[in-house]
Amino acid sequence: MEMVHTAPVLELQSVDKSFGPIDVLHGISLKVHAGEVLCLLGDNGAGKSTLIKTLAGVHQPTRGKILMDGAEVSFATPRDAAERGIATVHQFGGTFPLMSIGRSFFVGVEPTKGWGPFRIFDRKKANDIAVKAVRDFGITRIDDGDRLVGGLSGGERQSLAIARAVHFGARVLILDEPTAALGVKQAAHVLRIINEAKRRGLAVIFITHQVMHAMAVGDHFAVLIRGAIAADFRRGEKTREEITDLMAGGETMADLEASIDAQERRHA
């Protein structure tokens, strides 16, 4: 049931985005509450990337409002959005493959030890905190903070990035196609991490074009077609076939089912 007694953590009201004469987003109105997963579904070219960048402070709306906790906000830069607690995790985790887990977890905010000009990176502290944070999310295979991020699986890198965002106080977690490049087992792991973030009270926006993944974790769904919301509904109100048909803009279900089945075989 939708939370009606508290303001959404994040809300868009009639947001448009234009680049010169080209209109990319049209009247986007969405809201996501704490402890809820909003699945934003759409095919390539639907406008998902522009919407993500608008939420993350890369772009500013041409018209409309962004609100947090019921109050209008404006993000001039991604730093502004991050300081408000909006964290975006992109498809490959946004981590640094040639860094250790501990160093990557704290990049830009490294803990130090020592005094004055003799202060150095506190590797043990960074490693201990990073390993505990990811293990608290159920990633028990990671037990060495000196291990290179590049040696992690795609799902583990996603999970590391999510754990980092939560550790540093994210309130809204925007996940940009986190399962798109993963096999079945790794995708299932990331979906469990999304459920854990939801359990911890984060507002999660899960951007995907994979309907089955969305249905596994979503509470609230919005279908984006050509920069506009084509449907907005709650869990259980539409079937997988109805959602897929909406996303395809009315293409025949037989072709879509064949494509999905082929993709599942490739992942398996």
C-alpha atoms as a PDB file:
ATOM      1  CA  MET A   1       0.000   0.000   0.000  1.00  0.00           C
ATOM      2  CA  GLU A   2       1.313   3.462  -0.868  1.00  0.00           C
ATOM      3  CA  MET A   3       2.418   5.598   2.049  1.00  0.00           C
ATOM      4  CA  VAL A   4      -0.019   8.480   2.366  1.00  0.00           C
ATOM      5  CA  HIS A   5       0.952   9.960   5.727  1.00  0.00           C
ATOM      6  CA  THR A   6       4.423  11.164   4.763  1.00  0.00           C
ATOM      7  CA  ALA A   7       5.701  13.193   1.834  1.00  0.00           C
ATOM      8  CA  PRO A   8       7.615  11.305  -0.844  1.00  0.00           C
ATOM      9  CA  VAL A   9      11.371  11.401  -0.387  1.00  0.00           C
ATOM     10  CA  LEU A  10      11.635  12.473  -4.040  1.00  0.00           C
ATOM     11  CA  GLU A  11       8.942  13.790  -6.364  1.00  0.00           C
ATOM     12  CA  LEU A  12       8.833  15.196  -9.883  1.00  0.00           C
ATOM     13  CA  GLN A  13       5.949  17.453 -10.857  1.00  0.00           C
ATOM     14  CA  SER A  14       5.318  18.025 -14.584  1.00  0.00           C
ATOM     15  CA  VAL A  15       9.014  18.021 -15.466  1.00  0.00           C
ATOM     16  CA  ASP A  16       9.972  18.854 -19.059  1.00  0.00           C
ATOM     17  CA  LYS A  17      13.475  18.852 -20.497  1.00  0.00           C
ATOM     18  CA  SER A  18      14.358  20.427 -23.815  1.00  0.00           C
ATOM     19  CA  PHE A  19      17.647  20.845 -25.615  1.00  0.00           C
ATOM     20  CA  GLY A  20      17.120  23.826 -27.897  1.00  0.00           C
ATOM     21  CA  PRO A  21      14.117  23.006 -30.092  1.00  0.00           C
ATOM     22  CA  ILE A  22      14.185  19.302 -29.171  1.00  0.00           C
ATOM     23  CA  ASP A  23      11.827  18.193 -26.399  1.00  0.00           C
ATOM     24  CA  VAL A  24      13.157  15.073 -24.667  1.00  0.00           C
ATOM     25  CA  LEU A  25      11.015  14.802 -21.515  1.00  0.00           C
ATOM     26  CA  HIS A  26       7.323  15.718 -21.447  1.00  0.00           C
ATOM     27  CA  GLY A  27       5.360  16.361 -18.250  1.00  0.00           C
ATOM     28  CA  ILE A  28       7.074  13.746 -16.067  1.00  0.00           C
ATOM     29  CA  SER A  29       5.307  13.358 -12.709  1.00  0.00           C
ATOM     30  CA  LEU A  30       6.672  10.647 -10.396  1.00  0.00           C
ATOM     31  CA  LYS A  31       7.126  10.048  -6.698  1.00  0.00           C
ATOM     32  CA  VAL A  32       9.036   7.542  -4.585  1.00  0.00           C
ATOM     33  CA  HIS A  33       8.748   7.007  -0.830  1.00  0.00           C
ATOM     34  CA  ALA A  34      11.200   5.700   1.734  1.00  0.00           C
ATOM     35  CA  GLY A  35      11.337   1.904   1.757  1.00  0.00           C
ATOM     36  CA  GLU A  36       9.894   1.664  -1.754  1.00  0.00           C
ATOM     37  CA  VAL A  37      11.243   0.529  -5.123  1.00  0.00           C
ATOM     38  CA  LEU A  38      10.028   2.544  -8.108  1.00  0.00           C
ATOM     39  CA  CYS A  39      10.765   0.697 -11.358  1.00  0.00           C
ATOM     40  CA  LEU A  40      11.201   2.981 -14.344  1.00  0.00           C
ATOM     41  CA  LEU A  41      10.694   0.867 -17.446  1.00  0.00           C
ATOM     42  CA  GLY A  42      11.439   1.831 -20.999  1.00  0.00           C
ATOM     43  CA  ASP A  43      13.188   0.707 -24.154  1.00  0.00           C
ATOM     44  CA  ASN A  44      16.268   2.361 -25.618  1.00  0.00           C
ATOM     45  CA  GLY A  45      15.435   5.912 -26.681  1.00  0.00           C
ATOM     46  CA  ALA A  46      12.586   6.234 -24.168  1.00  0.00           C
ATOM     47  CA  GLY A  47      14.286   9.118 -22.349  1.00  0.00           C
ATOM     48  CA  LYS A  48      15.555   7.169 -19.325  1.00  0.00           C
ATOM     49  CA  SER A  49      19.101   8.562 -19.530  1.00  0.00           C
ATOM     50  CA  THR A  50      17.924  12.174 -19.656  1.00  0.00           C
ATOM     51  CA  LEU A  51      15.592  11.577 -16.717  1.00  0.00           C
ATOM     52  CA  ILE A  52      18.390  10.016 -14.649  1.00  0.00           C
ATOM     53  CA  LYS A  53      20.696  12.945 -15.401  1.00  0.00           C
ATOM     54  CA  THR A  54      17.958  15.405 -14.438  1.00  0.00           C
ATOM     55  CA  LEU A  55      17.451  13.651 -11.100  1.00  0.00           C
ATOM     56  CA  ALA A  56      21.210  13.528 -10.518  1.00  0.00           C
ATOM     57  CA  GLY A  57      21.861  17.228 -11.166  1.00  0.00           C
ATOM     58  CA  VAL A  58      23.595  16.832 -14.531  1.00  0.00           C
ATOM     59  CA  HIS A  59      20.668  18.561 -16.280  1.00  0.00           C
ATOM     60  CA  GLN A  60      18.172  21.040 -14.857  1.00  0.00           C
ATOM     61  CA  PRO A  61      14.479  20.814 -15.788  1.00  0.00           C
ATOM     62  CA  THR A  62      13.318  23.211 -18.487  1.00  0.00           C
ATOM     63  CA  ARG A  63       9.942  23.342 -16.737  1.00  0.00           C
ATOM     64  CA  GLY A  64       8.399  21.687 -13.692  1.00  0.00           C
ATOM     65  CA  LYS A  65       9.569  21.007 -10.149  1.00  0.00           C
ATOM     66  CA  ILE A  66      11.692  18.543  -8.201  1.00  0.00           C
ATOM     67  CA  LEU A  67      10.752  18.129  -4.534  1.00  0.00           C
ATOM     68  CA  MET A  68      12.390  16.319  -1.623  1.00  0.00           C
ATOM     69  CA  ASP A  69      10.331  15.679   1.509  1.00  0.00           C
ATOM     70  CA  GLY A  70       7.657  17.984   0.089  1.00  0.00           C
ATOM     71  CA  ALA A  71       9.967  20.996  -0.407  1.00  0.00           C
ATOM     72  CA  GLU A  72      11.102  22.220  -3.830  1.00  0.00           C
ATOM     73  CA  VAL A  73      14.802  21.706  -4.536  1.00  0.00           C
ATOM     74  CA  SER A  74      17.172  22.663  -7.345  1.00  0.00           C
ATOM     75  CA  PHE A  75      20.345  20.816  -8.269  1.00  0.00           C
ATOM     76  CA  ALA A  76      22.865  22.966 -10.126  1.00  0.00           C
ATOM     77  CA  THR A  77      25.443  20.161 -10.184  1.00  0.00           C
ATOM     78  CA  PRO A  78      25.703  16.442  -9.397  1.00  0.00           C
ATOM     79  CA  ARG A  79      27.430  17.425  -6.154  1.00  0.00           C
ATOM     80  CA  ASP A  80      24.278  19.318  -5.118  1.00  0.00           C
ATOM     81  CA  ALA A  81      22.196  16.190  -5.690  1.00  0.00           C
ATOM     82  CA  ALA A  82      24.704  13.996  -3.861  1.00  0.00           C
ATOM     83  CA  GLU A  83      24.738  16.329  -0.854  1.00  0.00           C
ATOM     84  CA  ARG A  84      20.952  15.967  -0.686  1.00  0.00           C
ATOM     85  CA  GLY A  85      21.365  12.191  -0.497  1.00  0.00           C
ATOM     86  CA  ILE A  86      20.768  11.212  -4.133  1.00  0.00           C
ATOM     87  CA  ALA A  87      23.214   8.513  -5.243  1.00  0.00           C
ATOM     88  CA  THR A  88      23.362   7.165  -8.787  1.00  0.00           C
ATOM     89  CA  VAL A  89      24.906   3.771  -9.501  1.00  0.00           C
ATOM     90  CA  HIS A  90      25.560   3.123 -13.172  1.00  0.00           C
ATOM     91  CA  GLN A  91      25.600  -0.176 -15.003  1.00  0.00           C
ATOM     92  CA  PHE A  92      29.145  -1.211 -14.076  1.00  0.00           C
ATOM     93  CA  GLY A  93      29.036   0.060 -10.521  1.00  0.00           C
ATOM     94  CA  GLY A  94      30.971   3.319 -10.840  1.00  0.00           C
ATOM     95  CA  THR A  95      33.895   1.693  -9.009  1.00  0.00           C
ATOM     96  CA  PHE A  96      37.585   1.804  -9.920  1.00  0.00           C
ATOM     97  CA  PRO A  97      38.891  -1.544 -11.249  1.00  0.00           C
ATOM     98  CA  LEU A  98      42.577  -0.855 -10.589  1.00  0.00           C
ATOM     99  CA  MET A  99      41.978   0.200  -6.979  1.00  0.00           C
ATOM    100  CA  SER A 100      41.605  -2.034  -3.964  1.00  0.00           C
ATOM    101  CA  ILE A 101      38.138  -2.486  -2.479  1.00  0.00           C
ATOM    102  CA  GLY A 102      39.036  -0.355   0.554  1.00  0.00           C
ATOM    103  CA  ARG A 103      40.539   2.468  -1.509  1.00  0.00           C
ATOM    104  CA  SER A 104      37.667   2.451  -4.010  1.00  0.00           C
ATOM    105  CA  PHE A 105      35.092   2.511  -1.208  1.00  0.00           C
ATOM    106  CA  PHE A 106      36.593   5.705   0.244  1.00  0.00           C
ATOM    107  CA  VAL A 107      37.878   7.436  -2.901  1.00  0.00           C
ATOM    108  CA  GLY A 108      37.747  11.186  -2.285  1.00  0.00           C
ATOM    109  CA  VAL A 109      37.038  10.803   1.445  1.00  0.00           C
ATOM    110  CA  GLU A 110      39.924   8.591   2.533  1.00  0.00           C
ATOM    111  CA  PRO A 111      40.423   8.007   6.278  1.00  0.00           C
ATOM    112  CA  THR A 112      43.907   8.960   7.431  1.00  0.00           C
ATOM    113  CA  LYS A 113      46.168   8.407  10.417  1.00  0.00           C
ATOM    114  CA  GLY A 114      49.140  10.326  11.741  1.00  0.00           C
ATOM    115  CA  TRP A 115      49.558  14.038  12.309  1.00  0.00           C
ATOM    116  CA  GLY A 116      49.930  17.136  10.118  1.00  0.00           C
ATOM    117  CA  PRO A 117      52.189  16.590   7.080  1.00  0.00           C
ATOM    118  CA  PHE A 118      52.773  13.003   8.197  1.00  0.00           C
ATOM    119  CA  ARG A 119      49.151  11.932   7.748  1.00  0.00           C
ATOM    120  CA  ILE A 120      48.768   8.889   5.508  1.00  0.00           C
ATOM    121  CA  PHE A 121      45.911   6.771   4.193  1.00  0.00           C
ATOM    122  CA  ASP A 122      44.646   4.431   6.915  1.00  0.00           C
ATOM    123  CA  ARG A 123      44.449   1.295   4.819  1.00  0.00           C
ATOM    124  CA  LYS A 124      43.399  -1.032   7.639  1.00  0.00           C
ATOM    125  CA  LYS A 125      40.515   1.194   8.737  1.00  0.00           C
ATOM    126  CA  ALA A 126      39.328   1.641   5.138  1.00  0.00           C
ATOM    127  CA  ASN A 127      39.530  -2.102   4.467  1.00  0.00           C
ATOM    128  CA  ASP A 128      37.747  -3.059   7.686  1.00  0.00           C
ATOM    129  CA  ILE A 129      34.861  -0.626   7.095  1.00  0.00           C
ATOM    130  CA  ALA A 130      34.491  -1.496   3.398  1.00  0.00           C
ATOM    131  CA  VAL A 131      34.501  -5.257   3.967  1.00  0.00           C
ATOM    132  CA  LYS A 132      31.972  -4.973   6.814  1.00  0.00           C
ATOM    133  CA  ALA A 133      29.695  -2.736   4.716  1.00  0.00           C
ATOM    134  CA  VAL A 134      29.574  -5.142   1.784  1.00  0.00           C
ATOM    135  CA  ARG A 135      29.279  -8.228   3.987  1.00  0.00           C
ATOM    136  CA  ASP A 136      26.341  -6.606   5.789  1.00  0.00           C
ATOM    137  CA  PHE A 137      24.641  -6.629   2.393  1.00  0.00           C
ATOM    138  CA  GLY A 138      25.197 -10.377   2.134  1.00  0.00           C
ATOM    139  CA  ILE A 139      28.314 -10.334  -0.073  1.00  0.00           C
ATOM    140  CA  THR A 140      30.137 -12.911   2.029  1.00  0.00           C
ATOM    141  CA  ARG A 141      32.683 -13.824  -0.673  1.00  0.00           C
ATOM    142  CA  ILE A 142      34.453 -10.486  -0.101  1.00  0.00           C
ATOM    143  CA  ASP A 143      36.721 -10.734   2.941  1.00  0.00           C
ATOM    144  CA  ASP A 144      39.868  -8.890   1.836  1.00  0.00           C
ATOM    145  CA  GLY A 145      39.806  -5.108   1.399  1.00  0.00           C
ATOM    146  CA  ASP A 146      43.142  -5.202  -0.454  1.00  0.00           C
ATOM    147  CA  ARG A 147      41.600  -7.197  -3.287  1.00  0.00           C
ATOM    148  CA  LEU A 148      41.349  -5.288  -6.597  1.00  0.00           C
ATOM    149  CA  VAL A 149      37.868  -4.196  -7.663  1.00  0.00           C
ATOM    150  CA  GLY A 150      38.640  -5.400 -11.196  1.00  0.00           C
ATOM    151  CA  GLY A 151      38.703  -8.978  -9.889  1.00  0.00           C
ATOM    152  CA  LEU A 152      35.087  -8.795  -8.681  1.00  0.00           C
ATOM    153  CA  SER A 153      32.133 -10.062 -10.671  1.00  0.00           C
ATOM    154  CA  GLY A 154      29.719  -7.580 -12.202  1.00  0.00           C
ATOM    155  CA  GLY A 155      27.167  -8.260  -9.481  1.00  0.00           C
ATOM    156  CA  GLU A 156      29.750  -7.799  -6.728  1.00  0.00           C
ATOM    157  CA  ARG A 157      30.876  -4.477  -8.202  1.00  0.00           C
ATOM    158  CA  GLN A 158      27.261  -3.297  -8.301  1.00  0.00           C
ATOM    159  CA  SER A 159      26.813  -4.419  -4.705  1.00  0.00           C
ATOM    160  CA  LEU A 160      30.003  -2.631  -3.621  1.00  0.00           C
ATOM    161  CA  ALA A 161      28.771   0.615  -5.189  1.00  0.00           C
ATOM    162  CA  ILE A 162      25.347   0.272  -3.510  1.00  0.00           C
ATOM    163  CA  ALA A 163      26.930  -0.492  -0.123  1.00  0.00           C
ATOM    164  CA  ARG A 164      29.191   2.563  -0.519  1.00  0.00           C
ATOM    165  CA  ALA A 165      26.216   4.821  -1.315  1.00  0.00           C
ATOM    166  CA  VAL A 166      24.304   3.566   1.726  1.00  0.00           C
ATOM    167  CA  HIS A 167      27.339   3.960   3.997  1.00  0.00           C
ATOM    168  CA  PHE A 168      27.709   7.608   2.998  1.00  0.00           C
ATOM    169  CA  GLY A 169      24.100   8.456   3.749  1.00  0.00           C
ATOM    170  CA  ALA A 170      22.186   8.048   0.493  1.00  0.00           C
ATOM    171  CA  ARG A 171      18.439   8.466   0.888  1.00  0.00           C
ATOM    172  CA  VAL A 172      17.549   7.963  -2.784  1.00  0.00           C
ATOM    173  CA  LEU A 173      19.330   5.245  -4.733  1.00  0.00           C
ATOM    174  CA  ILE A 174      19.091   5.516  -8.535  1.00  0.00           C
ATOM    175  CA  LEU A 175      20.166   2.280 -10.222  1.00  0.00           C
ATOM    176  CA  ASP A 176      20.771   2.593 -13.953  1.00  0.00           C
ATOM    177  CA  GLU A 177      20.251  -0.797 -15.637  1.00  0.00           C
ATOM    178  CA  PRO A 178      22.171  -2.645 -12.884  1.00  0.00           C
ATOM    179  CA  THR A 179      21.259  -6.122 -14.179  1.00  0.00           C
ATOM    180  CA  ALA A 180      21.500  -5.496 -17.928  1.00  0.00           C
ATOM    181  CA  ALA A 181      24.975  -6.980 -18.436  1.00  0.00           C
ATOM    182  CA  LEU A 182      24.704  -9.750 -15.835  1.00  0.00           C
ATOM    183  CA  GLY A 183      23.909 -13.435 -16.034  1.00  0.00           C
ATOM    184  CA  VAL A 184      20.985 -14.962 -14.185  1.00  0.00           C
ATOM    185  CA  LYS A 185      22.837 -15.746 -10.938  1.00  0.00           C
ATOM    186  CA  GLN A 186      24.551 -12.345 -10.698  1.00  0.00           C
ATOM    187  CA  ALA A 187      21.337 -10.506 -11.567  1.00  0.00           C
ATOM    188  CA  ALA A 188      19.499 -12.373  -8.813  1.00  0.00           C
ATOM    189  CA  HIS A 189      22.194 -11.294  -6.366  1.00  0.00           C
ATOM    190  CA  VAL A 190      21.781  -7.623  -7.310  1.00  0.00           C
ATOM    191  CA  LEU A 191      18.002  -7.929  -6.924  1.00  0.00           C
ATOM    192  CA  ARG A 192      18.556  -9.219  -3.379  1.00  0.00           C
ATOM    193  CA  ILE A 193      20.765  -6.190  -2.685  1.00  0.00           C
ATOM    194  CA  ILE A 194      17.979  -3.904  -3.961  1.00  0.00           C
ATOM    195  CA  ASN A 195      15.535  -5.559  -1.565  1.00  0.00           C
ATOM    196  CA  GLU A 196      18.008  -5.046   1.292  1.00  0.00           C
ATOM    197  CA  ALA A 197      18.347  -1.327   0.434  1.00  0.00           C
ATOM    198  CA  LYS A 198      14.553  -1.078   0.454  1.00  0.00           C
ATOM    199  CA  ARG A 199      14.418  -2.878   3.824  1.00  0.00           C
ATOM    200  CA  ARG A 200      16.833  -0.286   5.215  1.00  0.00           C
ATOM    201  CA  GLY A 201      14.401   2.469   4.276  1.00  0.00           C
ATOM    202  CA  LEU A 202      15.978   3.876   1.132  1.00  0.00           C
ATOM    203  CA  ALA A 203      13.871   5.140  -1.723  1.00  0.00           C
ATOM    204  CA  VAL A 204      15.071   3.145  -4.744  1.00  0.00           C
ATOM    205  CA  ILE A 205      14.582   4.069  -8.404  1.00  0.00           C
ATOM    206  CA  PHE A 206      15.378   1.001 -10.494  1.00  0.00           C
ATOM    207  CA  ILE A 207      15.782   1.842 -14.192  1.00  0.00           C
ATOM    208  CA  THR A 208      15.509  -1.207 -16.408  1.00  0.00           C
ATOM    209  CA  HIS A 209      14.087  -2.595 -19.620  1.00  0.00           C
ATOM    210  CA  GLN A 210      13.891  -6.115 -18.158  1.00  0.00           C
ATOM    211  CA  VAL A 211      10.336  -6.633 -16.996  1.00  0.00           C
ATOM    212  CA  MET A 212      10.955  -9.808 -14.983  1.00  0.00           C
ATOM    213  CA  HIS A 213      13.670  -8.130 -12.915  1.00  0.00           C
ATOM    214  CA  ALA A 214      11.389  -5.179 -12.230  1.00  0.00           C
ATOM    215  CA  MET A 215       8.512  -7.408 -11.176  1.00  0.00           C
ATOM    216  CA  ALA A 216      10.776  -9.282  -8.741  1.00  0.00           C
ATOM    217  CA  VAL A 217      11.474  -6.205  -6.584  1.00  0.00           C
ATOM    218  CA  GLY A 218       9.156  -3.353  -7.631  1.00  0.00           C
ATOM    219  CA  ASP A 219       6.399  -1.742  -5.583  1.00  0.00           C
ATOM    220  CA  HIS A 220       5.509   1.007  -8.027  1.00  0.00           C
ATOM    221  CA  PHE A 221       6.040   1.052 -11.806  1.00  0.00           C
ATOM    222  CA  ALA A 222       6.193   3.705 -14.490  1.00  0.00           C
ATOM    223  CA  VAL A 223       6.593   3.044 -18.216  1.00  0.00           C
ATOM    224  CA  LEU A 224       8.442   5.720 -20.182  1.00  0.00           C
ATOM    225  CA  ILE A 225       7.824   5.993 -23.934  1.00  0.00           C
ATOM    226  CA  ARG A 226       9.314   8.763 -26.080  1.00  0.00           C
ATOM    227  CA  GLY A 227       9.976  10.929 -23.037  1.00  0.00           C
ATOM    228  CA  ALA A 228       6.508  10.699 -21.471  1.00  0.00           C
ATOM    229  CA  ILE A 229       4.909   8.487 -18.807  1.00  0.00           C
ATOM    230  CA  ALA A 230       2.700   6.023 -20.661  1.00  0.00           C
ATOM    231  CA  ALA A 231       1.542   4.156 -17.546  1.00  0.00           C
ATOM    232  CA  ASP A 232       1.892   4.494 -13.761  1.00  0.00           C
ATOM    233  CA  PHE A 233       0.700   1.596 -11.598  1.00  0.00           C
ATOM    234  CA  ARG A 234       1.274  -0.391  -8.412  1.00  0.00           C
ATOM    235  CA  ARG A 235       2.488  -3.947  -7.902  1.00  0.00           C
ATOM    236  CA  GLY A 236      -0.078  -6.529  -8.962  1.00  0.00           C
ATOM    237  CA  GLU A 237      -2.113  -4.183 -11.163  1.00  0.00           C
ATOM    238  CA  LYS A 238      -0.647  -5.391 -14.479  1.00  0.00           C
ATOM    239  CA  THR A 239       0.740  -8.672 -15.788  1.00  0.00           C
ATOM    240  CA  ARG A 240       4.176  -9.139 -17.317  1.00  0.00           C
ATOM    241  CA  GLU A 241       2.579  -9.370 -20.770  1.00  0.00           C
ATOM    242  CA  GLU A 242       0.653  -6.117 -20.278  1.00  0.00           C
ATOM    243  CA  ILE A 243       3.796  -4.289 -19.133  1.00  0.00           C
ATOM    244  CA  THR A 244       5.865  -5.635 -22.022  1.00  0.00           C
ATOM    245  CA  ASP A 245       3.164  -4.648 -24.489  1.00  0.00           C
ATOM    246  CA  LEU A 246       3.087  -1.118 -23.026  1.00  0.00           C
ATOM    247  CA  MET A 247       6.855  -0.774 -23.316  1.00  0.00           C
ATOM    248  CA  ALA A 248       6.801  -1.943 -26.908  1.00  0.00           C
ATOM    249  CA  GLY A 249       4.125   0.564 -27.823  1.00  0.00           C
ATOM    250  CA  GLY A 250       1.811  -2.138 -29.098  1.00  0.00           C
ATOM    251  CA  GLU A 251       4.219  -4.449 -30.977  1.00  0.00           C
ATOM    252  CA  THR A 252       3.099  -8.042 -31.285  1.00  0.00           C
ATOM    253  CA  MET A 253       3.629 -10.098 -28.172  1.00  0.00           C
ATOM    254  CA  ALA A 254       4.863 -13.093 -30.151  1.00  0.00           C
ATOM    255  CA  ASP A 255       7.961 -11.221 -31.326  1.00  0.00           C
ATOM    256  CA  LEU A 256       8.607  -9.869 -27.848  1.00  0.00           C
ATOM    257  CA  GLU A 257       8.246 -13.261 -26.173  1.00  0.00           C
ATOM    258  CA  ALA A 258      10.691 -14.779 -28.671  1.00  0.00           C
ATOM    259  CA  SER A 259      13.199 -12.042 -27.902  1.00  0.00           C
ATOM    260  CA  ILE A 260      12.841 -12.500 -24.131  1.00  0.00           C
ATOM    261  CA  ASP A 261      13.201 -16.279 -24.400  1.00  0.00           C
ATOM    262  CA  ALA A 262      16.347 -15.902 -26.518  1.00  0.00           C
ATOM    263  CA  GLN A 263      17.823 -13.481 -23.993  1.00  0.00           C
ATOM    264  CA  GLU A 264      17.087 -15.867 -21.127  1.00  0.00           C
ATOM    265  CA  ARG A 265      18.838 -18.698 -22.977  1.00  0.00           C
ATOM    266  CA  ARG A 266      21.893 -16.511 -23.561  1.00  0.00           C
ATOM    267  CA  HIS A 267      22.037 -15.550 -19.874  1.00  0.00           C
ATOM    268  CA  ALA A 268      21.646 -19.158 -18.777  1.00  0.00           C
END
